[in-house]
């Protein structure tokens, strides 16, 4: 068995566990946090549904295309109650319509906390 340990950066969430050698893993390699946070987009605004170290899934009224590049900012609460933004550059890996909203999954390519 090998030991897996990952930290979800600024969110302070830790995932650990044992995975047998040779076991097939889900495409999602990081644990997802099911949180609702405002998202600022070039084409408007949105709200997150889940976030992981490598990606985000959010709803918006704006249209996005599969494979396109995206820049977005997720509003976060800082440790002393200050407001922070996680500014990300990513790529759209899934889009779907649900109840009149555009649901977008984006792979995070680069990010910085501001």
PDB file of N, CA and C in Angstrom:
ATOM      1  N   UNK A   1       0.830  -1.184   0.000  1.00  0.00           N
ATOM      2  CA  UNK A   1       0.000   0.000   0.000  1.00  0.00           C
ATOM      3  C   UNK A   1       0.873   1.244   0.000  1.00  0.00           C
ATOM      4  N   UNK A   2       0.388   2.276  -0.672  1.00  0.00           N
ATOM      5  CA  UNK A   2       1.097   3.544  -0.632  1.00  0.00           C
ATOM      6  C   UNK A   2       0.238   4.559   0.103  1.00  0.00           C
ATOM      7  N   UNK A   3       0.868   5.537   0.706  1.00  0.00           N
ATOM      8  CA  UNK A   3       0.163   6.524   1.501  1.00  0.00           C
ATOM      9  C   UNK A   3      -0.031   7.779   0.667  1.00  0.00           C
ATOM     10  N   UNK A   4      -1.255   8.272   0.601  1.00  0.00           N
ATOM     11  CA  UNK A   4      -1.575   9.485  -0.150  1.00  0.00           C
ATOM     12  C   UNK A   4      -1.908  10.586   0.843  1.00  0.00           C
ATOM     13  N   UNK A   5      -1.339  11.760   0.647  1.00  0.00           N
ATOM     14  CA  UNK A   5      -1.620  12.893   1.522  1.00  0.00           C
ATOM     15  C   UNK A   5      -1.632  14.149   0.655  1.00  0.00           C
ATOM     16  N   UNK A   6      -2.710  14.903   0.712  1.00  0.00           N
ATOM     17  CA  UNK A   6      -2.806  16.131  -0.073  1.00  0.00           C
ATOM     18  C   UNK A   6      -3.406  17.224   0.788  1.00  0.00           C
ATOM     19  N   UNK A   7      -3.015  18.460   0.544  1.00  0.00           N
ATOM     20  CA  UNK A   7      -3.560  19.602   1.266  1.00  0.00           C
ATOM     21  C   UNK A   7      -4.240  20.524   0.278  1.00  0.00           C
ATOM     22  N   UNK A   8      -5.399  21.034   0.651  1.00  0.00           N
ATOM     23  CA  UNK A   8      -6.133  21.936  -0.221  1.00  0.00           C
ATOM     24  C   UNK A   8      -5.769  23.370   0.135  1.00  0.00           C
ATOM     25  N   UNK A   9      -4.573  23.762  -0.202  1.00  0.00           N
ATOM     26  CA  UNK A   9      -4.032  25.111  -0.063  1.00  0.00           C
ATOM     27  C   UNK A   9      -4.674  26.002   0.972  1.00  0.00           C
ATOM     28  N   UNK A  10      -5.186  27.151   0.547  1.00  0.00           N
ATOM     29  CA  UNK A  10      -5.722  28.180   1.422  1.00  0.00           C
ATOM     30  C   UNK A  10      -6.908  27.717   2.241  1.00  0.00           C
ATOM     31  N   UNK A  11      -7.611  26.708   1.784  1.00  0.00           N
ATOM     32  CA  UNK A  11      -8.815  26.285   2.492  1.00  0.00           C
ATOM     33  C   UNK A  11      -8.479  25.442   3.706  1.00  0.00           C
ATOM     34  N   UNK A  12      -7.243  24.975   3.825  1.00  0.00           N
ATOM     35  CA  UNK A  12      -6.811  24.243   4.993  1.00  0.00           C
ATOM     36  C   UNK A  12      -7.404  22.855   5.136  1.00  0.00           C
ATOM     37  N   UNK A  13      -8.005  22.333   4.087  1.00  0.00           N
ATOM     38  CA  UNK A  13      -8.628  21.021   4.158  1.00  0.00           C
ATOM     39  C   UNK A  13      -7.584  19.965   3.852  1.00  0.00           C
ATOM     40  N   UNK A  14      -7.584  18.890   4.602  1.00  0.00           N
ATOM     41  CA  UNK A  14      -6.593  17.837   4.404  1.00  0.00           C
ATOM     42  C   UNK A  14      -7.295  16.537   4.071  1.00  0.00           C
ATOM     43  N   UNK A  15      -6.755  15.830   3.113  1.00  0.00           N
ATOM     44  CA  UNK A  15      -7.267  14.525   2.724  1.00  0.00           C
ATOM     45  C   UNK A  15      -6.129  13.536   2.850  1.00  0.00           C
ATOM     46  N   UNK A  16      -6.363  12.429   3.477  1.00  0.00           N
ATOM     47  CA  UNK A  16      -5.337  11.410   3.535  1.00  0.00           C
ATOM     48  C   UNK A  16      -5.986  10.042   3.552  1.00  0.00           C
ATOM     49  N   UNK A  17      -5.257   9.032   3.179  1.00  0.00           N
ATOM     50  CA  UNK A  17      -5.792   7.683   3.177  1.00  0.00           C
ATOM     51  C   UNK A  17      -4.847   6.730   2.487  1.00  0.00           C
ATOM     52  N   UNK A  18      -5.195   5.470   2.500  1.00  0.00           N
ATOM     53  CA  UNK A  18      -4.371   4.465   1.852  1.00  0.00           C
ATOM     54  C   UNK A  18      -5.081   3.940   0.626  1.00  0.00           C
ATOM     55  N   UNK A  19      -4.332   3.762  -0.437  1.00  0.00           N
ATOM     56  CA  UNK A  19      -4.863   3.241  -1.684  1.00  0.00           C
ATOM     57  C   UNK A  19      -3.988   2.067  -2.094  1.00  0.00           C
ATOM     58  N   UNK A  20      -4.568   0.898  -2.304  1.00  0.00           N
ATOM     59  CA  UNK A  20      -3.761  -0.259  -2.709  1.00  0.00           C
ATOM     60  C   UNK A  20      -3.052  -0.002  -4.033  1.00  0.00           C
ATOM     61  N   UNK A  21      -1.827  -0.500  -4.167  1.00  0.00           N
ATOM     62  CA  UNK A  21      -1.089  -0.364  -5.424  1.00  0.00           C
ATOM     63  C   UNK A  21      -1.898  -0.978  -6.549  1.00  0.00           C
ATOM     64  N   UNK A  22      -1.916  -0.306  -7.687  1.00  0.00           N
ATOM     65  CA  UNK A  22      -2.598  -0.830  -8.861  1.00  0.00           C
ATOM     66  C   UNK A  22      -4.088  -0.545  -8.892  1.00  0.00           C
ATOM     67  N   UNK A  23      -4.661   0.040  -7.844  1.00  0.00           N
ATOM     68  CA  UNK A  23      -6.090   0.335  -7.842  1.00  0.00           C
ATOM     69  C   UNK A  23      -6.363   1.494  -8.784  1.00  0.00           C
ATOM     70  N   UNK A  24      -7.431   1.406  -9.545  1.00  0.00           N
ATOM     71  CA  UNK A  24      -7.809   2.465 -10.471  1.00  0.00           C
ATOM     72  C   UNK A  24      -8.485   3.575  -9.680  1.00  0.00           C
ATOM     73  N   UNK A  25      -8.107   4.803  -9.975  1.00  0.00           N
ATOM     74  CA  UNK A  25      -8.673   5.961  -9.284  1.00  0.00           C
ATOM     75  C   UNK A  25      -9.688   6.660 -10.152  1.00  0.00           C
ATOM     76  N   UNK A  26     -10.611   7.329  -9.527  1.00  0.00           N
ATOM     77  CA  UNK A  26     -11.566   8.210 -10.182  1.00  0.00           C
ATOM     78  C   UNK A  26     -10.764   9.326 -10.855  1.00  0.00           C
ATOM     79  N   UNK A  27     -11.315   9.969 -11.896  1.00  0.00           N
ATOM     80  CA  UNK A  27     -10.652  11.097 -12.538  1.00  0.00           C
ATOM     81  C   UNK A  27     -10.371  12.207 -11.533  1.00  0.00           C
ATOM     82  N   UNK A  28     -11.260  12.370 -10.570  1.00  0.00           N
ATOM     83  CA  UNK A  28     -11.100  13.406  -9.551  1.00  0.00           C
ATOM     84  C   UNK A  28     -10.094  12.920  -8.529  1.00  0.00           C
ATOM     85  N   UNK A  29      -8.918  13.486  -8.555  1.00  0.00           N
ATOM     86  CA  UNK A  29      -7.863  13.024  -7.668  1.00  0.00           C
ATOM     87  C   UNK A  29      -7.838  13.784  -6.355  1.00  0.00           C
ATOM     88  N   UNK A  30      -8.467  14.953  -6.310  1.00  0.00           N
ATOM     89  CA  UNK A  30      -8.507  15.720  -5.077  1.00  0.00           C
ATOM     90  C   UNK A  30      -9.916  15.680  -4.505  1.00  0.00           C
ATOM     91  N   UNK A  31      -9.983  15.793  -3.212  1.00  0.00           N
ATOM     92  CA  UNK A  31     -11.272  15.850  -2.536  1.00  0.00           C
ATOM     93  C   UNK A  31     -11.974  17.158  -2.889  1.00  0.00           C
ATOM     94  N   UNK A  32     -13.280  17.076  -3.116  1.00  0.00           N
ATOM     95  CA  UNK A  32     -14.053  18.266  -3.438  1.00  0.00           C
ATOM     96  C   UNK A  32     -14.725  18.805  -2.180  1.00  0.00           C
ATOM     97  N   UNK A  33     -14.771  20.133  -2.097  1.00  0.00           N
ATOM     98  CA  UNK A  33     -15.512  20.808  -1.032  1.00  0.00           C
ATOM     99  C   UNK A  33     -16.780  21.356  -1.653  1.00  0.00           C
ATOM    100  N   UNK A  34     -17.918  20.985  -1.120  1.00  0.00           N
ATOM    101  CA  UNK A  34     -19.190  21.468  -1.632  1.00  0.00           C
ATOM    102  C   UNK A  34     -19.518  22.778  -0.930  1.00  0.00           C
ATOM    103  N   UNK A  35     -19.135  23.884  -1.570  1.00  0.00           N
ATOM    104  CA  UNK A  35     -19.305  25.214  -0.993  1.00  0.00           C
ATOM    105  C   UNK A  35     -19.935  26.150  -2.013  1.00  0.00           C
ATOM    106  N   UNK A  36     -20.653  27.127  -1.489  1.00  0.00           N
ATOM    107  CA  UNK A  36     -21.276  28.153  -2.314  1.00  0.00           C
ATOM    108  C   UNK A  36     -20.541  29.455  -2.066  1.00  0.00           C
ATOM    109  N   UNK A  37     -19.787  29.909  -3.055  1.00  0.00           N
ATOM    110  CA  UNK A  37     -19.019  31.146  -2.963  1.00  0.00           C
ATOM    111  C   UNK A  37     -19.244  31.951  -4.236  1.00  0.00           C
ATOM    112  N   UNK A  38     -19.281  33.284  -4.134  1.00  0.00           N
ATOM    113  CA  UNK A  38     -19.432  34.111  -5.335  1.00  0.00           C
ATOM    114  C   UNK A  38     -18.229  33.961  -6.267  1.00  0.00           C
ATOM    115  N   UNK A  39     -18.518  33.960  -7.566  1.00  0.00           N
ATOM    116  CA  UNK A  39     -17.471  33.889  -8.589  1.00  0.00           C
ATOM    117  C   UNK A  39     -17.605  35.129  -9.474  1.00  0.00           C
ATOM    118  N   UNK A  40     -16.497  35.832  -9.671  1.00  0.00           N
ATOM    119  CA  UNK A  40     -16.461  36.975 -10.573  1.00  0.00           C
ATOM    120  C   UNK A  40     -15.874  36.499 -11.892  1.00  0.00           C
ATOM    121  N   UNK A  41     -16.604  36.745 -12.978  1.00  0.00           N
ATOM    122  CA  UNK A  41     -16.216  36.294 -14.310  1.00  0.00           C
ATOM    123  C   UNK A  41     -16.110  37.483 -15.250  1.00  0.00           C
ATOM    124  N   UNK A  42     -15.386  37.325 -16.338  1.00  0.00           N
ATOM    125  CA  UNK A  42     -15.300  38.371 -17.356  1.00  0.00           C
ATOM    126  C   UNK A  42     -16.683  38.644 -17.929  1.00  0.00           C
ATOM    127  N   UNK A  43     -17.475  37.597 -18.110  1.00  0.00           N
ATOM    128  CA  UNK A  43     -18.805  37.727 -18.711  1.00  0.00           C
ATOM    129  C   UNK A  43     -19.929  37.888 -17.692  1.00  0.00           C
ATOM    130  N   UNK A  44     -19.621  38.145 -16.434  1.00  0.00           N
ATOM    131  CA  UNK A  44     -20.659  38.307 -15.432  1.00  0.00           C
ATOM    132  C   UNK A  44     -20.260  37.724 -14.093  1.00  0.00           C
ATOM    133  N   UNK A  45     -21.211  37.064 -13.443  1.00  0.00           N
ATOM    134  CA  UNK A  45     -20.964  36.478 -12.135  1.00  0.00           C
ATOM    135  C   UNK A  45     -21.493  35.053 -12.096  1.00  0.00           C
ATOM    136  N   UNK A  46     -21.136  34.350 -11.042  1.00  0.00           N
ATOM    137  CA  UNK A  46     -21.614  32.989 -10.854  1.00  0.00           C
ATOM    138  C   UNK A  46     -21.526  32.613  -9.395  1.00  0.00           C
ATOM    139  N   UNK A  47     -21.782  31.344  -9.118  1.00  0.00           N
ATOM    140  CA  UNK A  47     -21.685  30.831  -7.764  1.00  0.00           C
ATOM    141  C   UNK A  47     -21.124  29.413  -7.826  1.00  0.00           C
ATOM    142  N   UNK A  48     -20.156  29.129  -6.944  1.00  0.00           N
ATOM    143  CA  UNK A  48     -19.549  27.793  -6.948  1.00  0.00           C
ATOM    144  C   UNK A  48     -20.526  26.768  -6.398  1.00  0.00           C
ATOM    145  N   UNK A  49     -20.354  25.543  -6.839  1.00  0.00           N
ATOM    146  CA  UNK A  49     -21.079  24.394  -6.280  1.00  0.00           C
ATOM    147  C   UNK A  49     -20.092  23.458  -5.586  1.00  0.00           C
ATOM    148  N   UNK A  50     -18.891  23.331  -6.166  1.00  0.00           N
ATOM    149  CA  UNK A  50     -17.824  22.593  -5.488  1.00  0.00           C
ATOM    150  C   UNK A  50     -16.478  23.073  -5.992  1.00  0.00           C
ATOM    151  N   UNK A  51     -15.478  22.889  -5.136  1.00  0.00           N
ATOM    152  CA  UNK A  51     -14.118  23.343  -5.425  1.00  0.00           C
ATOM    153  C   UNK A  51     -13.154  22.254  -4.975  1.00  0.00           C
ATOM    154  N   UNK A  52     -12.102  22.048  -5.766  1.00  0.00           N
ATOM    155  CA  UNK A  52     -11.009  21.175  -5.348  1.00  0.00           C
ATOM    156  C   UNK A  52      -9.710  21.912  -5.613  1.00  0.00           C
ATOM    157  N   UNK A  53      -8.606  21.274  -5.293  1.00  0.00           N
ATOM    158  CA  UNK A  53      -7.301  21.882  -5.529  1.00  0.00           C
ATOM    159  C   UNK A  53      -7.049  22.101  -7.023  1.00  0.00           C
ATOM    160  N   UNK A  54      -7.651  21.282  -7.870  1.00  0.00           N
ATOM    161  CA  UNK A  54      -7.365  21.363  -9.301  1.00  0.00           C
ATOM    162  C   UNK A  54      -8.507  21.913 -10.144  1.00  0.00           C
ATOM    163  N   UNK A  55      -9.663  22.213  -9.544  1.00  0.00           N
ATOM    164  CA  UNK A  55     -10.755  22.699 -10.362  1.00  0.00           C
ATOM    165  C   UNK A  55     -11.923  23.243  -9.565  1.00  0.00           C
ATOM    166  N   UNK A  56     -12.890  23.758 -10.308  1.00  0.00           N
ATOM    167  CA  UNK A  56     -14.089  24.341  -9.719  1.00  0.00           C
ATOM    168  C   UNK A  56     -15.280  24.031 -10.609  1.00  0.00           C
ATOM    169  N   UNK A  57     -16.432  23.878  -9.981  1.00  0.00           N
ATOM    170  CA  UNK A  57     -17.683  23.698 -10.706  1.00  0.00           C
ATOM    171  C   UNK A  57     -18.595  24.825 -10.249  1.00  0.00           C
ATOM    172  N   UNK A  58     -19.104  25.632 -11.217  1.00  0.00           N
ATOM    173  CA  UNK A  58     -19.939  26.768 -10.843  1.00  0.00           C
ATOM    174  C   UNK A  58     -21.111  26.926 -11.803  1.00  0.00           C
ATOM    175  N   UNK A  59     -22.112  27.685 -11.354  1.00  0.00           N
ATOM    176  CA  UNK A  59     -23.273  28.018 -12.169  1.00  0.00           C
ATOM    177  C   UNK A  59     -23.209  29.496 -12.508  1.00  0.00           C
ATOM    178  N   UNK A  60     -23.677  29.834 -13.705  1.00  0.00           N
ATOM    179  CA  UNK A  60     -23.680  31.219 -14.167  1.00  0.00           C
ATOM    180  C   UNK A  60     -24.769  31.384 -15.221  1.00  0.00           C
ATOM    181  N   UNK A  61     -25.057  32.623 -15.575  1.00  0.00           N
ATOM    182  CA  UNK A  61     -25.972  32.903 -16.680  1.00  0.00           C
ATOM    183  C   UNK A  61     -25.209  33.108 -17.979  1.00  0.00           C
ATOM    184  N   UNK A  62     -23.892  33.237 -17.901  1.00  0.00           N
ATOM    185  CA  UNK A  62     -23.052  33.459 -19.085  1.00  0.00           C
ATOM    186  C   UNK A  62     -22.807  32.148 -19.825  1.00  0.00           C
ATOM    187  N   UNK A  63     -22.621  32.235 -21.145  1.00  0.00           N
ATOM    188  CA  UNK A  63     -22.328  31.058 -21.961  1.00  0.00           C
ATOM    189  C   UNK A  63     -20.821  30.862 -22.089  1.00  0.00           C
ATOM    190  N   UNK A  64     -20.394  29.624 -21.916  1.00  0.00           N
ATOM    191  CA  UNK A  64     -18.996  29.255 -22.092  1.00  0.00           C
ATOM    192  C   UNK A  64     -18.921  28.023 -22.976  1.00  0.00           C
ATOM    193  N   UNK A  65     -17.810  27.860 -23.661  1.00  0.00           N
ATOM    194  CA  UNK A  65     -17.623  26.733 -24.571  1.00  0.00           C
ATOM    195  C   UNK A  65     -16.572  25.771 -24.051  1.00  0.00           C
ATOM    196  N   UNK A  66     -16.818  24.504 -24.277  1.00  0.00           N
ATOM    197  CA  UNK A  66     -15.884  23.448 -23.906  1.00  0.00           C
ATOM    198  C   UNK A  66     -14.514  23.715 -24.524  1.00  0.00           C
ATOM    199  N   UNK A  67     -13.462  23.608 -23.739  1.00  0.00           N
ATOM    200  CA  UNK A  67     -12.096  23.797 -24.229  1.00  0.00           C
ATOM    201  C   UNK A  67     -11.604  25.230 -24.201  1.00  0.00           C
ATOM    202  N   UNK A  68     -12.488  26.192 -23.932  1.00  0.00           N
ATOM    203  CA  UNK A  68     -12.048  27.586 -23.939  1.00  0.00           C
ATOM    204  C   UNK A  68     -11.310  27.929 -22.654  1.00  0.00           C
ATOM    205  N   UNK A  69     -10.487  28.950 -22.714  1.00  0.00           N
ATOM    206  CA  UNK A  69      -9.735  29.441 -21.554  1.00  0.00           C
ATOM    207  C   UNK A  69     -10.631  30.390 -20.770  1.00  0.00           C
ATOM    208  N   UNK A  70     -10.376  30.482 -19.462  1.00  0.00           N
ATOM    209  CA  UNK A  70     -11.206  31.315 -18.602  1.00  0.00           C
ATOM    210  C   UNK A  70     -10.358  31.912 -17.488  1.00  0.00           C
ATOM    211  N   UNK A  71     -10.706  33.133 -17.092  1.00  0.00           N
ATOM    212  CA  UNK A  71     -10.120  33.772 -15.912  1.00  0.00           C
ATOM    213  C   UNK A  71     -11.287  34.090 -14.990  1.00  0.00           C
ATOM    214  N   UNK A  72     -11.165  33.720 -13.718  1.00  0.00           N
ATOM    215  CA  UNK A  72     -12.241  33.944 -12.765  1.00  0.00           C
ATOM    216  C   UNK A  72     -11.659  34.170 -11.380  1.00  0.00           C
ATOM    217  N   UNK A  73     -12.472  34.736 -10.497  1.00  0.00           N
ATOM    218  CA  UNK A  73     -12.043  35.000  -9.119  1.00  0.00           C
ATOM    219  C   UNK A  73     -13.123  34.508  -8.173  1.00  0.00           C
ATOM    220  N   UNK A  74     -12.706  33.744  -7.158  1.00  0.00           N
ATOM    221  CA  UNK A  74     -13.619  33.200  -6.162  1.00  0.00           C
ATOM    222  C   UNK A  74     -13.438  33.989  -4.872  1.00  0.00           C
ATOM    223  N   UNK A  75     -14.538  34.519  -4.334  1.00  0.00           N
ATOM    224  CA  UNK A  75     -14.493  35.285  -3.089  1.00  0.00           C
ATOM    225  C   UNK A  75     -14.318  34.332  -1.909  1.00  0.00           C
ATOM    226  N   UNK A  76     -13.354  34.643  -1.037  1.00  0.00           N
ATOM    227  CA  UNK A  76     -13.073  33.833   0.146  1.00  0.00           C
ATOM    228  C   UNK A  76     -13.031  34.715   1.388  1.00  0.00           C
ATOM    229  N   UNK A  77     -13.238  34.109   2.532  1.00  0.00           N
ATOM    230  CA  UNK A  77     -13.089  34.802   3.805  1.00  0.00           C
ATOM    231  C   UNK A  77     -11.698  34.491   4.343  1.00  0.00           C
ATOM    232  N   UNK A  78     -10.941  35.529   4.674  1.00  0.00           N
ATOM    233  CA  UNK A  78      -9.598  35.352   5.199  1.00  0.00           C
ATOM    234  C   UNK A  78      -9.611  34.977   6.673  1.00  0.00           C
ATOM    235  N   UNK A  79      -8.449  34.646   7.231  1.00  0.00           N
ATOM    236  CA  UNK A  79      -8.349  34.185   8.615  1.00  0.00           C
ATOM    237  C   UNK A  79      -8.763  35.231   9.653  1.00  0.00           C
ATOM    238  N   UNK A  80      -8.607  36.494   9.375  1.00  0.00           N
ATOM    239  CA  UNK A  80      -8.983  37.563  10.310  1.00  0.00           C
ATOM    240  C   UNK A  80     -10.296  38.223   9.900  1.00  0.00           C
ATOM    241  N   UNK A  81     -11.087  37.536   9.068  1.00  0.00           N
ATOM    242  CA  UNK A  81     -12.362  38.078   8.609  1.00  0.00           C
ATOM    243  C   UNK A  81     -12.242  38.974   7.386  1.00  0.00           C
ATOM    244  N   UNK A  82     -11.014  39.182   6.897  1.00  0.00           N
ATOM    245  CA  UNK A  82     -10.840  40.014   5.702  1.00  0.00           C
ATOM    246  C   UNK A  82     -11.320  39.257   4.470  1.00  0.00           C
ATOM    247  N   UNK A  83     -11.684  40.012   3.453  1.00  0.00           N
ATOM    248  CA  UNK A  83     -12.157  39.425   2.200  1.00  0.00           C
ATOM    249  C   UNK A  83     -10.966  39.198   1.272  1.00  0.00           C
ATOM    250  N   UNK A  84     -10.874  38.007   0.721  1.00  0.00           N
ATOM    251  CA  UNK A  84      -9.815  37.639  -0.216  1.00  0.00           C
ATOM    252  C   UNK A  84     -10.446  37.136  -1.499  1.00  0.00           C
ATOM    253  N   UNK A  85      -9.653  37.101  -2.560  1.00  0.00           N
ATOM    254  CA  UNK A  85     -10.082  36.504  -3.817  1.00  0.00           C
ATOM    255  C   UNK A  85      -9.016  35.527  -4.284  1.00  0.00           C
ATOM    256  N   UNK A  86      -9.456  34.363  -4.701  1.00  0.00           N
ATOM    257  CA  UNK A  86      -8.577  33.409  -5.355  1.00  0.00           C
ATOM    258  C   UNK A  86      -8.762  33.642  -6.847  1.00  0.00           C
ATOM    259  N   UNK A  87      -7.772  34.274  -7.470  1.00  0.00           N
ATOM    260  CA  UNK A  87      -7.833  34.604  -8.891  1.00  0.00           C
ATOM    261  C   UNK A  87      -7.215  33.446  -9.657  1.00  0.00           C
ATOM    262  N   UNK A  88      -7.988  32.889 -10.602  1.00  0.00           N
ATOM    263  CA  UNK A  88      -7.570  31.675 -11.306  1.00  0.00           C
ATOM    264  C   UNK A  88      -7.601  31.846 -12.814  1.00  0.00           C
ATOM    265  N   UNK A  89      -6.690  31.142 -13.453  1.00  0.00           N
ATOM    266  CA  UNK A  89      -6.682  30.985 -14.905  1.00  0.00           C
ATOM    267  C   UNK A  89      -6.948  29.511 -15.138  1.00  0.00           C
ATOM    268  N   UNK A  90      -7.871  29.200 -16.047  1.00  0.00           N
ATOM    269  CA  UNK A  90      -8.213  27.800 -16.247  1.00  0.00           C
ATOM    270  C   UNK A  90      -8.685  27.464 -17.637  1.00  0.00           C
ATOM    271  N   UNK A  91      -9.169  26.247 -17.759  1.00  0.00           N
ATOM    272  CA  UNK A  91      -9.697  25.739 -19.024  1.00  0.00           C
ATOM    273  C   UNK A  91     -11.032  25.055 -18.741  1.00  0.00           C
ATOM    274  N   UNK A  92     -12.027  25.332 -19.568  1.00  0.00           N
ATOM    275  CA  UNK A  92     -13.351  24.737 -19.413  1.00  0.00           C
ATOM    276  C   UNK A  92     -13.285  23.272 -19.846  1.00  0.00           C
ATOM    277  N   UNK A  93     -13.638  22.367 -18.936  1.00  0.00           N
ATOM    278  CA  UNK A  93     -13.578  20.932 -19.236  1.00  0.00           C
ATOM    279  C   UNK A  93     -14.967  20.286 -19.336  1.00  0.00           C
ATOM    280  N   UNK A  94     -16.006  21.024 -18.904  1.00  0.00           N
ATOM    281  CA  UNK A  94     -17.374  20.516 -19.043  1.00  0.00           C
ATOM    282  C   UNK A  94     -18.352  21.675 -18.971  1.00  0.00           C
ATOM    283  N   UNK A  95     -19.379  21.642 -19.809  1.00  0.00           N
ATOM    284  CA  UNK A  95     -20.475  22.610 -19.745  1.00  0.00           C
ATOM    285  C   UNK A  95     -21.784  21.851 -19.906  1.00  0.00           C
ATOM    286  N   UNK A  96     -22.799  22.296 -19.185  1.00  0.00           N
ATOM    287  CA  UNK A  96     -24.127  21.697 -19.307  1.00  0.00           C
ATOM    288  C   UNK A  96     -25.164  22.693 -18.830  1.00  0.00           C
ATOM    289  N   UNK A  97     -26.366  22.564 -19.352  1.00  0.00           N
ATOM    290  CA  UNK A  97     -27.481  23.414 -18.931  1.00  0.00           C
ATOM    291  C   UNK A  97     -28.306  22.666 -17.899  1.00  0.00           C
ATOM    292  N   UNK A  98     -28.625  23.358 -16.808  1.00  0.00           N
ATOM    293  CA  UNK A  98     -29.489  22.805 -15.760  1.00  0.00           C
ATOM    294  C   UNK A  98     -30.459  23.893 -15.326  1.00  0.00           C
ATOM    295  N   UNK A  99     -31.726  23.648 -15.514  1.00  0.00           N
ATOM    296  CA  UNK A  99     -32.763  24.570 -15.045  1.00  0.00           C
ATOM    297  C   UNK A  99     -32.474  26.019 -15.429  1.00  0.00           C
ATOM    298  N   UNK A 100     -32.107  26.244 -16.689  1.00  0.00           N
ATOM    299  CA  UNK A 100     -31.867  27.591 -17.198  1.00  0.00           C
ATOM    300  C   UNK A 100     -30.521  28.188 -16.866  1.00  0.00           C
ATOM    301  N   UNK A 101     -29.691  27.495 -16.128  1.00  0.00           N
ATOM    302  CA  UNK A 101     -28.350  27.983 -15.780  1.00  0.00           C
ATOM    303  C   UNK A 101     -27.297  27.220 -16.572  1.00  0.00           C
ATOM    304  N   UNK A 102     -26.180  27.890 -16.838  1.00  0.00           N
ATOM    305  CA  UNK A 102     -25.035  27.235 -17.449  1.00  0.00           C
ATOM    306  C   UNK A 102     -24.160  26.713 -16.320  1.00  0.00           C
ATOM    307  N   UNK A 103     -23.907  25.414 -16.293  1.00  0.00           N
ATOM    308  CA  UNK A 103     -23.034  24.797 -15.292  1.00  0.00           C
ATOM    309  C   UNK A 103     -21.688  24.538 -15.959  1.00  0.00           C
ATOM    310  N   UNK A 104     -20.635  25.009 -15.324  1.00  0.00           N
ATOM    311  CA  UNK A 104     -19.303  24.985 -15.918  1.00  0.00           C
ATOM    312  C   UNK A 104     -18.321  24.309 -14.963  1.00  0.00           C
ATOM    313  N   UNK A 105     -17.552  23.368 -15.481  1.00  0.00           N
ATOM    314  CA  UNK A 105     -16.444  22.773 -14.741  1.00  0.00           C
ATOM    315  C   UNK A 105     -15.162  23.294 -15.385  1.00  0.00           C
ATOM    316  N   UNK A 106     -14.294  23.873 -14.562  1.00  0.00           N
ATOM    317  CA  UNK A 106     -13.041  24.425 -15.072  1.00  0.00           C
ATOM    318  C   UNK A 106     -11.860  23.825 -14.328  1.00  0.00           C
ATOM    319  N   UNK A 107     -10.865  23.413 -15.093  1.00  0.00           N
ATOM    320  CA  UNK A 107      -9.596  22.946 -14.537  1.00  0.00           C
ATOM    321  C   UNK A 107      -8.762  24.185 -14.228  1.00  0.00           C
ATOM    322  N   UNK A 108      -8.230  24.254 -13.004  1.00  0.00           N
ATOM    323  CA  UNK A 108      -7.400  25.396 -12.627  1.00  0.00           C
ATOM    324  C   UNK A 108      -5.969  25.150 -13.103  1.00  0.00           C
ATOM    325  N   UNK A 109      -5.471  26.056 -13.932  1.00  0.00           N
ATOM    326  CA  UNK A 109      -4.114  25.961 -14.466  1.00  0.00           C
ATOM    327  C   UNK A 109      -3.134  26.757 -13.594  1.00  0.00           C
ATOM    328  N   UNK A 110      -3.576  27.922 -13.136  1.00  0.00           N
ATOM    329  CA  UNK A 110      -2.750  28.769 -12.267  1.00  0.00           C
ATOM    330  C   UNK A 110      -3.683  29.569 -11.357  1.00  0.00           C
ATOM    331  N   UNK A 111      -3.191  29.888 -10.149  1.00  0.00           N
ATOM    332  CA  UNK A 111      -4.009  30.684  -9.236  1.00  0.00           C
ATOM    333  C   UNK A 111      -3.123  31.482  -8.292  1.00  0.00           C
ATOM    334  N   UNK A 112      -3.696  32.563  -7.766  1.00  0.00           N
ATOM    335  CA  UNK A 112      -3.002  33.345  -6.741  1.00  0.00           C
ATOM    336  C   UNK A 112      -4.040  33.959  -5.822  1.00  0.00           C
ATOM    337  N   UNK A 113      -3.678  34.107  -4.586  1.00  0.00           N
ATOM    338  CA  UNK A 113      -4.553  34.680  -3.567  1.00  0.00           C
ATOM    339  C   UNK A 113      -4.276  36.162  -3.462  1.00  0.00           C
ATOM    340  N   UNK A 114      -5.325  36.966  -3.587  1.00  0.00           N
ATOM    341  CA  UNK A 114      -5.177  38.426  -3.495  1.00  0.00           C
ATOM    342  C   UNK A 114      -6.048  38.977  -2.392  1.00  0.00           C
TER     343      UNK A 114
END
